Amino acid sequence: MKLISILVILLMSTNLLGQYGNDGGGTRIFYNIKEALQTPKKVFKLYLDHNELTQLPPTIVQFQNLKELQLGGNPDLDWDITLDLLAQLPNLEKLSLSENKIEKLPESITQLENLEELILVGNPNLDWELTFEFLTHLSQLKLLDIGNNRIKDLPPNIGNLGSLEKLLIWGNRMINLPPTIGNLRNLRELDLSNNQLRRLTSTVKKLQKLQKIYLWNNYLTELPSEIGQLSNLRMLNLGGNNLTTLPQSIRGLKNLQTLGLAYNNLLYLPKGFSGLFNLRSLDLEGNPNMNWLTLFLQPQRMNKLVVLNLINNRLIDLPPNIVGLKNLKTLDVKQNPEMNWESAFKQLSQIKPLQQLDVSNNDIQKLPSEIIHLSQLKYLHLGSNPNMDWKQAFFNIAKLKSLETLILSSNGLEKVDEEIKQLNNLKELELGNNPALHLDALFETLSLMDNLETLSLIDNNISSVSTAIGKLKNLKVLHFWMNDISLNSSEHTNLQNLLPQTSIIYMPRYL
């Protein structure tokens, strides 16, 4: 966590040290009004977040081409004066007023006639009914983000914002939605995640243009049957609720491609589930009481499914019909330590297109030989299986000729068997948290693997670097943080000298 914080601070510092940057598409981003005033006609994006502003200078009206303005985290601004100034910017399309302790938006916001996106995150005392009344005058408004505002009751006049295509109400305290939500006929994306919803209003059936709906982390125990009428829905995330099943009408979601059901209380899936013939990704993580016999009753109808998540389900066997998923490419079954792996790999060996397999955290003791039949496997995660017979495992792994990424972290490894040299296509090898590794022998073995580009040795208690690492001439990236070499030490200098062409992603263990 400390590492992440430091990286974030470094990135922010880099951003703030320069007075401008770009958005990745070549558009210059200004962070300072004084700098922007030097070329006012070329100012399209102005980010003034967290600048402790008490007022905007009248000169801001010179930015007649300004399209995006961020004013988040400036709670001392006078919003009547501010919005009067912004009303003089005819091309303003995106406005962020997050975290400003605004209690009442001035009516002058109605003059922002070309505004398409408005972000009001983190203004919990805002008068929402009055706000929505003003926003009805913004006929171009397509995105409204009112997340993290402690909203309990959404005013019914939200339904008057008919131009909205994306409505984000995440992180509030809503128990119900007003039926008028169904009036937002142009809505394509609705984010209701992290609320306290007990039910979903049946009027959602009117949202015929809806393509994405996020409902994760609520208190839903059932879905209305009307949800099956959302024929254009492509993504439905229901993770972290209290669902025990889905309505039969779910089969009406003919265009659904991604379905998230992680961490519910699912007992079974309805027969109509097999009607989701466009489904590509299914997440069933954390549903240990599921009757897996009800899954994929007609697998031939789900031949577009390519991603399946079965993490943490206390599985003893894989669902019996999983072998019928003839196009499955990614399977994650980590944290199922009671699994009969001999039987599981016999099933998996029949899924010829499988390219990514995660069986980490499973206390596997013997890697079944059937794994060698996964001829298209490119990614294999075997981390946190410390009791495995690794000599036998490496013998089988070496036969996976298509393998490009192999993760063996947290396994108590002392050596990596020379059999690994047979993996001619291996590009990435992760060996983090294996502090007993004999590094000289490892580097000698890896030096013969011409395609190896990335090596991870994170958290291995490494305090000195053997010259043998210099044999990894083709290595492009070395992940080396959480070891015992300080950034300004001679050992760190040696490491850089031994691998002059390698990017060393490096952070010492102790900061």
Protein backbone atom coordinates (compact mmCIF):
# COMPACT_ATOMS: atom_id res chain seq x y z
CA MET A 1 0.00 0.00 0.00
CA LYS A 2 2.88 2.31 0.86
CA LEU A 3 4.45 1.58 -2.53
CA ILE A 4 1.24 2.49 -4.35
CA SER A 5 0.96 5.74 -2.38
CA ILE A 6 4.51 6.73 -3.26
CA LEU A 7 3.96 6.02 -6.95
CA VAL A 8 0.76 8.10 -6.92
CA ILE A 9 2.57 10.98 -5.20
CA LEU A 10 5.38 10.82 -7.76
CA LEU A 11 2.91 10.91 -10.63
CA MET A 12 1.04 13.85 -9.09
CA SER A 13 4.28 15.70 -8.46
CA THR A 14 5.34 15.24 -12.07
CA ASN A 15 1.98 16.57 -13.18
CA LEU A 16 2.10 19.61 -10.94
CA LEU A 17 5.72 20.52 -11.59
CA GLY A 18 4.88 21.13 -15.22
CA GLN A 19 2.19 23.74 -15.83
CA TYR A 20 0.57 21.68 -18.52
CA GLY A 21 0.43 18.19 -19.92
CA ASN A 22 -1.62 16.40 -22.53
CA ASP A 23 -4.53 13.98 -22.50
CA GLY A 24 -2.77 11.26 -24.47
CA GLY A 25 -4.48 12.40 -27.63
CA GLY A 26 -2.27 15.44 -28.07
CA THR A 27 -4.64 18.00 -26.55
CA ARG A 28 -2.77 20.27 -24.17
CA ILE A 29 -4.06 20.37 -20.60
CA PHE A 30 -3.49 23.56 -18.61
CA TYR A 31 -3.24 23.53 -14.82
CA ASN A 32 -2.64 27.23 -14.31
CA ILE A 33 -4.70 30.22 -15.49
CA LYS A 34 -1.65 32.48 -15.82
CA GLU A 35 0.02 30.01 -18.17
CA ALA A 36 -3.22 29.52 -20.11
CA LEU A 37 -3.66 33.28 -20.67
CA GLN A 38 -0.54 33.31 -22.84
CA THR A 39 -2.45 31.44 -25.57
CA PRO A 40 -6.15 31.88 -24.69
CA LYS A 41 -7.49 30.65 -28.03
CA LYS A 42 -5.62 27.35 -27.65
CA VAL A 43 -7.05 26.52 -24.24
CA PHE A 44 -9.42 23.56 -24.58
CA LYS A 45 -8.85 21.84 -21.23
CA LEU A 46 -8.26 23.58 -17.91
CA TYR A 47 -7.79 21.57 -14.71
CA LEU A 48 -7.89 23.69 -11.54
CA ASP A 49 -8.76 21.01 -8.99
CA HIS A 50 -7.67 21.52 -5.37
CA ASN A 51 -6.15 24.94 -5.93
CA GLU A 52 -7.71 26.62 -2.86
CA LEU A 53 -9.43 29.10 -5.15
CA THR A 54 -11.67 31.74 -3.61
CA GLN A 55 -12.67 33.27 -6.93
CA LEU A 56 -12.13 32.81 -10.63
CA PRO A 57 -10.52 35.78 -12.36
CA PRO A 58 -12.78 37.54 -14.89
CA THR A 59 -10.07 36.86 -17.48
CA ILE A 60 -11.30 33.26 -17.67
CA VAL A 61 -13.89 34.45 -20.19
CA GLN A 62 -11.03 34.85 -22.68
CA PHE A 63 -11.00 31.07 -23.07
CA GLN A 64 -13.75 31.07 -25.66
CA ASN A 65 -12.72 27.64 -26.98
CA LEU A 66 -12.64 25.98 -23.56
CA LYS A 67 -14.40 22.61 -23.68
CA GLU A 68 -13.49 21.03 -20.35
CA LEU A 69 -13.09 22.67 -16.93
CA GLN A 70 -12.33 20.92 -13.65
CA LEU A 71 -12.94 22.89 -10.45
CA GLY A 72 -13.14 20.05 -7.94
CA GLY A 73 -11.94 20.61 -4.39
CA ASN A 74 -12.34 24.40 -4.30
CA PRO A 75 -15.11 24.79 -1.69
CA ASP A 76 -14.46 28.50 -1.04
CA LEU A 77 -15.51 29.62 -4.51
CA ASP A 78 -18.55 31.87 -4.77
CA TRP A 79 -20.72 29.76 -7.04
CA ASP A 80 -23.05 32.56 -8.14
CA ILE A 81 -20.11 34.56 -9.48
CA THR A 82 -18.37 31.45 -10.81
CA LEU A 83 -21.35 30.19 -12.82
CA ASP A 84 -22.02 33.70 -14.18
CA LEU A 85 -18.49 33.68 -15.59
CA LEU A 86 -18.80 30.16 -16.96
CA ALA A 87 -22.01 31.12 -18.74
CA GLN A 88 -19.81 33.30 -20.96
CA LEU A 89 -17.89 30.28 -22.25
CA PRO A 90 -20.04 29.18 -25.22
CA ASN A 91 -18.14 25.97 -26.00
CA LEU A 92 -17.96 24.51 -22.49
CA GLU A 93 -19.01 20.84 -22.70
CA LYS A 94 -17.57 19.21 -19.57
CA LEU A 95 -17.64 20.63 -16.04
CA SER A 96 -16.48 19.02 -12.80
CA LEU A 97 -17.57 20.58 -9.49
CA SER A 98 -16.71 17.62 -7.25
CA GLU A 99 -16.02 17.94 -3.51
CA ASN A 100 -17.02 21.57 -3.19
CA LYS A 101 -19.57 21.49 -0.34
CA ILE A 102 -22.12 23.08 -2.64
CA GLU A 103 -25.56 23.37 -1.05
CA LYS A 104 -27.37 25.13 -3.87
CA LEU A 105 -26.45 25.46 -7.51
CA PRO A 106 -27.25 28.91 -8.89
CA GLU A 107 -29.89 29.13 -11.59
CA SER A 108 -27.27 30.54 -13.93
CA ILE A 109 -26.12 26.98 -14.59
CA THR A 110 -29.05 26.80 -16.99
CA GLN A 111 -27.12 29.15 -19.28
CA LEU A 112 -24.47 26.51 -20.02
CA GLU A 113 -26.38 25.54 -23.13
CA ASN A 114 -23.73 23.26 -24.63
CA LEU A 115 -22.86 21.39 -21.45
CA GLU A 116 -22.74 17.63 -22.09
CA GLU A 117 -21.09 16.29 -18.92
CA LEU A 118 -21.54 17.47 -15.33
CA ILE A 119 -19.79 15.91 -12.34
CA LEU A 120 -21.15 16.70 -8.87
CA VAL A 121 -19.46 13.94 -6.87
CA GLY A 122 -19.00 14.61 -3.15
CA ASN A 123 -21.49 17.44 -2.56
CA PRO A 124 -23.75 15.71 0.01
CA ASN A 125 -25.68 18.82 1.08
CA LEU A 126 -26.80 19.79 -2.40
CA ASP A 127 -30.51 20.43 -2.94
CA TRP A 128 -31.07 17.68 -5.51
CA GLU A 129 -34.66 18.47 -6.41
CA LEU A 130 -33.74 22.05 -7.28
CA THR A 131 -30.59 20.87 -9.05
CA PHE A 132 -32.55 18.51 -11.30
CA GLU A 133 -35.06 21.28 -12.00
CA PHE A 134 -32.26 23.50 -13.31
CA LEU A 135 -30.63 20.69 -15.26
CA THR A 136 -33.80 20.05 -17.26
CA HIS A 137 -32.89 23.21 -19.17
CA LEU A 138 -29.61 21.69 -20.37
CA SER A 139 -30.85 19.93 -23.49
CA GLN A 140 -27.37 18.67 -24.44
CA LEU A 141 -26.58 17.07 -21.07
CA LYS A 142 -25.58 13.45 -21.67
CA LEU A 143 -23.59 12.49 -18.55
CA LEU A 144 -24.41 13.23 -14.91
CA ASP A 145 -22.26 11.88 -12.08
CA ILE A 146 -23.75 12.36 -8.60
CA GLY A 147 -21.83 9.60 -6.86
CA ASN A 148 -20.74 9.67 -3.21
CA ASN A 149 -23.37 12.13 -2.01
CA ARG A 150 -25.16 10.21 0.77
CA ILE A 151 -28.41 10.42 -1.22
CA LYS A 152 -31.21 8.42 0.44
CA ASP A 153 -34.17 9.42 -1.71
CA LEU A 154 -33.69 10.37 -5.32
CA PRO A 155 -36.19 13.12 -6.24
CA PRO A 156 -38.74 11.97 -8.85
CA ASN A 157 -37.88 14.85 -11.17
CA ILE A 158 -34.68 12.99 -12.08
CA GLY A 159 -36.95 11.49 -14.72
CA ASN A 160 -37.17 14.86 -16.48
CA LEU A 161 -33.53 14.74 -17.62
CA GLY A 162 -34.50 13.08 -20.86
CA SER A 163 -31.28 13.79 -22.74
CA LEU A 164 -29.13 11.75 -20.32
CA GLU A 165 -27.21 8.81 -21.78
CA LYS A 166 -25.07 8.04 -18.74
CA LEU A 167 -26.26 8.41 -15.12
CA LEU A 168 -23.86 7.58 -12.29
CA ILE A 169 -25.38 7.39 -8.79
CA TRP A 170 -22.77 5.13 -7.16
CA GLY A 171 -21.82 5.26 -3.50
CA ASN A 172 -25.04 6.66 -2.06
CA ARG A 173 -27.60 5.35 0.46
CA MET A 174 -30.63 4.70 -1.72
CA ILE A 175 -33.02 1.91 -0.75
CA ASN A 176 -35.36 2.35 -3.72
CA LEU A 177 -35.38 4.06 -7.09
CA PRO A 178 -38.23 6.37 -8.10
CA PRO A 179 -40.38 4.84 -10.86
CA THR A 180 -39.70 7.97 -12.93
CA ILE A 181 -36.22 6.60 -13.64
CA GLY A 182 -37.97 4.76 -16.45
CA ASN A 183 -38.53 8.07 -18.23
CA LEU A 184 -34.84 8.36 -19.12
CA ARG A 185 -35.42 6.75 -22.49
CA ASN A 186 -32.00 7.71 -23.90
CA LEU A 187 -30.05 6.15 -21.04
CA ARG A 188 -27.27 3.80 -22.15
CA GLU A 189 -25.38 3.38 -18.87
CA LEU A 190 -26.68 3.35 -15.29
CA ASP A 191 -24.36 2.97 -12.29
CA LEU A 192 -26.17 2.18 -9.02
CA SER A 193 -23.29 0.36 -7.36
CA ASN A 194 -22.55 0.69 -3.64
CA ASN A 195 -26.02 1.72 -2.53
CA GLN A 196 -28.54 -0.01 -0.25
CA LEU A 197 -31.11 -1.01 -2.86
CA ARG A 198 -33.60 -3.66 -1.73
CA ARG A 199 -35.46 -3.81 -5.01
CA LEU A 200 -35.24 -2.60 -8.57
CA THR A 201 -38.26 -0.77 -9.92
CA SER A 202 -40.10 -2.55 -12.72
CA THR A 203 -40.07 0.65 -14.78
CA VAL A 204 -36.49 -0.13 -15.80
CA LYS A 205 -38.13 -2.06 -18.63
CA LYS A 206 -38.69 1.31 -20.34
CA LEU A 207 -34.95 1.90 -20.66
CA GLN A 208 -34.77 0.21 -24.03
CA LYS A 209 -31.45 1.81 -25.01
CA LEU A 210 -29.71 0.68 -21.83
CA GLN A 211 -26.47 -1.21 -22.53
CA LYS A 212 -24.73 -1.25 -19.14
CA ILE A 213 -26.08 -1.41 -15.61
CA TYR A 214 -23.96 -1.66 -12.47
CA LEU A 215 -25.77 -2.93 -9.38
CA TRP A 216 -22.92 -4.46 -7.38
CA ASN A 217 -22.79 -4.07 -3.60
CA ASN A 218 -26.47 -3.56 -2.85
CA TYR A 219 -29.04 -5.62 -0.92
CA LEU A 220 -31.05 -7.08 -3.78
CA THR A 221 -32.72 -10.41 -3.04
CA GLU A 222 -34.49 -10.70 -6.39
CA LEU A 223 -34.77 -9.00 -9.75
CA PRO A 224 -38.04 -7.92 -11.36
CA SER A 225 -39.06 -10.13 -14.26
CA GLU A 226 -39.22 -6.97 -16.37
CA ILE A 227 -35.43 -6.87 -16.53
CA GLY A 228 -35.65 -9.46 -19.28
CA GLN A 229 -37.14 -6.79 -21.53
CA LEU A 230 -33.86 -4.87 -21.74
CA SER A 231 -33.02 -6.39 -25.09
CA ASN A 232 -30.04 -4.10 -25.76
CA LEU A 233 -28.31 -4.77 -22.44
CA ARG A 234 -24.70 -5.87 -22.94
CA MET A 235 -23.28 -5.68 -19.41
CA LEU A 236 -25.03 -6.53 -16.12
CA ASN A 237 -23.06 -6.48 -12.88
CA LEU A 238 -24.96 -7.88 -9.89
CA GLY A 239 -22.02 -8.82 -7.69
CA GLY A 240 -22.23 -8.43 -3.92
CA ASN A 241 -26.00 -8.76 -3.47
CA ASN A 242 -28.23 -11.39 -1.82
CA LEU A 243 -29.63 -13.08 -4.91
CA THR A 244 -30.49 -16.77 -4.71
CA THR A 245 -31.40 -17.11 -8.39
CA LEU A 246 -32.34 -15.08 -11.46
CA PRO A 247 -35.79 -14.71 -13.05
CA GLN A 248 -36.63 -16.98 -15.98
CA SER A 249 -37.04 -13.83 -18.05
CA ILE A 250 -33.25 -13.40 -18.01
CA ARG A 251 -33.25 -15.33 -21.29
CA GLY A 252 -34.67 -12.18 -22.89
CA LEU A 253 -31.28 -10.48 -22.63
CA LYS A 254 -30.26 -11.72 -26.05
CA ASN A 255 -27.40 -9.24 -26.42
CA LEU A 256 -25.90 -9.69 -22.96
CA GLN A 257 -22.14 -10.22 -23.18
CA THR A 258 -20.91 -9.73 -19.59
CA LEU A 259 -22.70 -10.99 -16.47
CA GLY A 260 -21.31 -10.45 -12.97
CA LEU A 261 -22.83 -12.54 -10.17
CA ALA A 262 -19.91 -12.71 -7.74
CA TYR A 263 -20.58 -12.96 -4.00
CA ASN A 264 -24.31 -13.55 -3.93
CA ASN A 265 -26.16 -16.45 -2.32
CA LEU A 266 -26.95 -18.24 -5.57
CA LEU A 267 -28.49 -21.68 -5.21
CA TYR A 268 -29.20 -22.36 -8.87
CA LEU A 269 -29.60 -20.67 -12.23
CA PRO A 270 -32.87 -20.95 -14.17
CA LYS A 271 -33.25 -22.99 -17.34
CA GLY A 272 -33.61 -19.76 -19.27
CA PHE A 273 -29.99 -18.97 -18.47
CA SER A 274 -28.89 -21.08 -21.43
CA GLY A 275 -30.70 -18.61 -23.66
CA LEU A 276 -27.91 -16.06 -23.14
CA PHE A 277 -26.23 -17.22 -26.32
CA ASN A 278 -24.18 -14.01 -26.76
CA LEU A 279 -22.64 -14.23 -23.28
CA ARG A 280 -18.85 -13.90 -23.40
CA SER A 281 -17.89 -13.39 -19.74
CA LEU A 282 -19.48 -14.94 -16.62
CA ASP A 283 -18.36 -14.20 -13.05
CA LEU A 284 -19.63 -16.63 -10.39
CA GLU A 285 -16.95 -16.05 -7.76
CA GLY A 286 -17.97 -16.62 -4.15
CA ASN A 287 -21.22 -18.59 -4.53
CA PRO A 288 -20.34 -21.77 -2.59
CA ASN A 289 -23.95 -22.97 -2.17
CA MET A 290 -24.60 -23.11 -5.89
CA ASN A 291 -25.98 -26.30 -7.42
CA TRP A 292 -23.41 -26.62 -10.17
CA LEU A 293 -25.47 -29.27 -11.94
CA THR A 294 -27.82 -26.47 -13.04
CA LEU A 295 -25.01 -24.62 -14.80
CA PHE A 296 -24.62 -24.94 -18.57
CA LEU A 297 -27.52 -27.36 -19.05
CA GLN A 298 -27.28 -26.60 -22.75
CA PRO A 299 -23.62 -25.63 -23.20
CA GLN A 300 -23.86 -25.80 -26.97
CA ARG A 301 -26.09 -22.70 -26.82
CA MET A 302 -23.37 -20.76 -24.99
CA ASN A 303 -20.62 -21.26 -27.51
CA LYS A 304 -19.52 -17.61 -27.31
CA LEU A 305 -18.52 -17.85 -23.64
CA VAL A 306 -14.77 -17.22 -23.41
CA VAL A 307 -14.23 -16.10 -19.77
CA LEU A 308 -15.43 -17.99 -16.67
CA ASN A 309 -14.66 -17.09 -13.04
CA LEU A 310 -15.28 -19.79 -10.41
CA ILE A 311 -12.99 -18.45 -7.66
CA ASN A 312 -13.66 -19.35 -4.02
CA ASN A 313 -16.61 -21.70 -4.44
CA ARG A 314 -15.54 -24.70 -2.33
CA LEU A 315 -15.74 -26.80 -5.48
CA ILE A 316 -15.05 -30.52 -5.25
CA ASP A 317 -15.55 -31.07 -8.97
CA LEU A 318 -15.88 -28.73 -11.91
CA PRO A 319 -19.41 -28.25 -13.28
CA PRO A 320 -20.05 -31.40 -15.33
CA ASN A 321 -21.07 -29.59 -18.50
CA ILE A 322 -18.07 -27.28 -18.59
CA VAL A 323 -16.51 -29.49 -21.27
CA GLY A 324 -19.31 -28.38 -23.59
CA LEU A 325 -17.98 -24.81 -23.60
CA LYS A 326 -16.04 -25.34 -26.78
CA ASN A 327 -14.72 -21.76 -27.04
CA LEU A 328 -13.73 -21.16 -23.42
CA LYS A 329 -10.35 -19.39 -23.33
CA THR A 330 -9.99 -18.09 -19.76
CA LEU A 331 -10.82 -20.03 -16.58
CA ASP A 332 -10.11 -18.91 -13.02
CA VAL A 333 -10.58 -21.54 -10.30
CA LYS A 334 -8.25 -20.23 -7.62
CA GLN A 335 -9.13 -20.77 -3.93
CA ASN A 336 -10.90 -24.11 -4.36
CA PRO A 337 -8.56 -26.30 -2.28
CA GLU A 338 -11.03 -29.20 -1.95
CA MET A 339 -11.11 -29.78 -5.69
CA ASN A 340 -10.40 -33.23 -7.11
CA TRP A 341 -7.67 -32.03 -9.45
CA GLU A 342 -7.16 -35.36 -11.18
CA SER A 343 -10.78 -35.28 -12.29
CA ALA A 344 -10.71 -31.54 -12.98
CA PHE A 345 -7.78 -31.73 -15.37
CA LYS A 346 -9.37 -34.64 -17.22
CA GLN A 347 -12.29 -32.30 -17.91
CA LEU A 348 -10.06 -29.35 -18.76
CA SER A 349 -8.04 -31.42 -21.22
CA GLN A 350 -11.18 -31.57 -23.37
CA ILE A 351 -11.41 -27.76 -23.63
CA LYS A 352 -8.87 -27.39 -26.40
CA PRO A 353 -9.11 -23.57 -26.90
CA LEU A 354 -8.19 -22.82 -23.26
CA GLN A 355 -5.46 -20.16 -23.19
CA GLN A 356 -5.47 -18.81 -19.61
CA LEU A 357 -5.76 -20.94 -16.47
CA ASP A 358 -5.47 -19.83 -12.84
CA VAL A 359 -5.32 -22.62 -10.24
CA SER A 360 -3.43 -20.68 -7.57
CA ASN A 361 -4.11 -20.92 -3.83
CA ASN A 362 -5.37 -24.49 -4.08
CA ASP A 363 -2.86 -26.62 -2.18
CA ILE A 364 -2.39 -28.81 -5.25
CA GLN A 365 0.10 -31.55 -4.43
CA LYS A 366 0.42 -33.16 -7.82
CA LEU A 367 -0.08 -31.49 -11.17
CA PRO A 368 -1.97 -34.05 -13.28
CA SER A 369 -0.34 -35.09 -16.53
CA GLU A 370 -3.57 -34.24 -18.39
CA ILE A 371 -2.43 -30.61 -18.36
CA ILE A 372 -0.15 -31.39 -21.30
CA HIS A 373 -3.21 -31.66 -23.55
CA LEU A 374 -3.85 -27.92 -23.16
CA SER A 375 -1.80 -27.21 -26.24
CA GLN A 376 -3.00 -23.62 -26.64
CA LEU A 377 -2.36 -22.57 -23.04
CA LYS A 378 -0.50 -19.24 -22.92
CA TYR A 379 -0.97 -18.20 -19.28
CA LEU A 380 -0.67 -20.48 -16.24
CA HIS A 381 -0.91 -19.32 -12.62
CA LEU A 382 0.30 -21.93 -10.12
CA GLY A 383 1.14 -19.54 -7.29
CA SER A 384 0.61 -20.44 -3.62
CA ASN A 385 0.71 -24.21 -4.04
CA PRO A 386 3.74 -24.85 -1.80
CA ASN A 387 3.12 -28.58 -1.30
CA MET A 388 3.30 -29.43 -4.97
CA ASP A 389 5.68 -32.07 -6.28
CA TRP A 390 7.64 -29.56 -8.33
CA LYS A 391 9.94 -31.98 -10.13
CA GLN A 392 6.93 -33.77 -11.56
CA ALA A 393 5.16 -30.43 -12.15
CA PHE A 394 8.04 -28.97 -14.17
CA PHE A 395 8.15 -32.14 -16.25
CA ASN A 396 4.52 -31.54 -17.28
CA ILE A 397 4.77 -27.76 -17.57
CA ALA A 398 7.68 -28.13 -19.99
CA LYS A 399 5.33 -29.75 -22.50
CA LEU A 400 3.16 -26.61 -22.75
CA LYS A 401 4.87 -25.29 -25.86
CA SER A 402 2.54 -22.31 -26.31
CA LEU A 403 3.06 -21.01 -22.77
CA GLU A 404 4.03 -17.32 -22.61
CA THR A 405 3.39 -16.44 -18.94
CA LEU A 406 4.12 -18.68 -15.94
CA ILE A 407 3.45 -17.56 -12.35
CA LEU A 408 5.08 -19.58 -9.58
CA SER A 409 5.05 -17.06 -6.71
CA SER A 410 4.80 -18.07 -3.03
CA ASN A 411 5.68 -21.73 -3.51
CA GLY A 412 8.73 -22.15 -1.30
CA LEU A 413 10.80 -23.02 -4.37
CA GLU A 414 14.52 -23.63 -3.98
CA LYS A 415 15.17 -24.26 -7.65
CA VAL A 416 13.51 -24.03 -11.02
CA ASP A 417 14.00 -27.29 -12.85
CA GLU A 418 16.01 -27.19 -16.08
CA GLU A 419 12.99 -28.64 -17.87
CA ILE A 420 11.70 -25.08 -18.06
CA LYS A 421 14.21 -24.42 -20.86
CA GLN A 422 11.88 -26.29 -23.19
CA LEU A 423 9.36 -23.44 -22.98
CA ASN A 424 10.66 -21.68 -26.07
CA ASN A 425 7.80 -19.17 -26.17
CA LEU A 426 7.93 -18.15 -22.51
CA LYS A 427 8.03 -14.36 -22.22
CA GLU A 428 7.19 -13.76 -18.57
CA LEU A 429 8.18 -15.68 -15.44
CA GLU A 430 7.07 -14.67 -11.95
CA LEU A 431 9.01 -16.10 -9.00
CA GLY A 432 8.15 -13.62 -6.25
CA ASN A 433 8.15 -14.63 -2.58
CA ASN A 434 10.40 -17.67 -3.03
CA PRO A 435 13.26 -16.51 -0.78
CA ALA A 436 15.07 -19.88 -0.80
CA LEU A 437 15.70 -19.79 -4.56
CA HIS A 438 19.26 -20.57 -5.66
CA LEU A 439 19.71 -17.55 -7.91
CA ASP A 440 22.96 -18.51 -9.66
CA ALA A 441 21.47 -21.75 -10.93
CA LEU A 442 18.26 -19.92 -11.86
CA PHE A 443 20.05 -17.31 -13.96
CA GLU A 444 22.12 -20.01 -15.65
CA THR A 445 18.95 -21.85 -16.66
CA LEU A 446 17.09 -18.73 -17.78
CA SER A 447 20.02 -17.49 -19.84
CA LEU A 448 19.17 -20.17 -22.40
CA MET A 449 15.62 -18.86 -22.85
CA ASP A 450 15.97 -16.34 -25.66
CA ASN A 451 12.36 -15.10 -25.60
CA LEU A 452 12.16 -14.39 -21.87
CA GLU A 453 11.42 -10.67 -21.55
CA THR A 454 10.04 -10.18 -18.03
CA LEU A 455 11.23 -11.69 -14.76
CA SER A 456 9.73 -11.03 -11.33
CA LEU A 457 11.83 -11.59 -8.21
CA ILE A 458 9.68 -9.51 -5.86
CA ASP A 459 10.01 -10.08 -2.10
CA ASN A 460 12.81 -12.64 -2.16
CA ASN A 461 15.06 -11.19 0.57
CA ILE A 462 17.77 -10.53 -2.01
CA SER A 463 20.60 -8.51 -0.45
CA SER A 464 23.29 -8.97 -3.09
CA VAL A 465 23.30 -9.56 -6.81
CA SER A 466 25.24 -12.34 -8.50
CA THR A 467 27.06 -11.48 -11.71
CA ALA A 468 25.22 -14.46 -13.22
CA ILE A 469 22.18 -12.24 -13.71
CA GLY A 470 24.15 -10.48 -16.43
CA LYS A 471 23.63 -13.55 -18.61
CA LEU A 472 19.98 -12.56 -19.13
CA LYS A 473 20.88 -10.46 -22.15
CA ASN A 474 17.39 -10.37 -23.63
CA LEU A 475 15.59 -9.39 -20.44
CA LYS A 476 13.54 -6.22 -20.91
CA VAL A 477 11.87 -5.88 -17.50
CA LEU A 478 12.96 -6.99 -14.02
CA HIS A 479 10.48 -6.60 -11.15
CA PHE A 480 12.72 -6.28 -8.14
CA TRP A 481 10.96 -4.39 -5.36
CA MET A 482 10.55 -5.57 -1.76
CA ASN A 483 14.09 -6.90 -1.53
CA ASP A 484 16.93 -5.89 0.76
CA ILE A 485 18.94 -3.69 -1.57
CA SER A 486 18.70 0.05 -0.98
CA LEU A 487 18.23 2.38 -3.90
CA ASN A 488 21.54 4.20 -3.40
CA SER A 489 23.67 1.13 -2.66
CA SER A 490 26.56 -0.21 -4.70
CA GLU A 491 24.56 -3.42 -5.22
CA HIS A 492 21.85 -1.45 -6.98
CA THR A 493 24.50 0.15 -9.20
CA ASN A 494 25.92 -3.30 -9.96
CA LEU A 495 22.48 -4.52 -10.93
CA GLN A 496 22.04 -1.67 -13.38
CA ASN A 497 25.50 -2.25 -14.83
CA LEU A 498 24.89 -5.97 -15.27
CA LEU A 499 21.58 -5.36 -17.05
CA PRO A 500 22.08 -2.09 -18.95
CA GLN A 501 19.24 -2.79 -21.42
CA THR A 502 16.72 -3.84 -18.76
CA SER A 503 14.08 -1.67 -17.10
CA ILE A 504 14.39 -2.44 -13.40
CA ILE A 505 11.13 -1.75 -11.58
CA TYR A 506 12.64 -1.29 -8.21
CA MET A 507 11.61 -0.17 -4.75
CA PRO A 508 13.44 -1.14 -1.54
CA ARG A 509 11.65 -3.14 1.13
CA TYR A 510 12.08 -0.45 3.78
CA LEU A 511 11.07 3.11 2.94
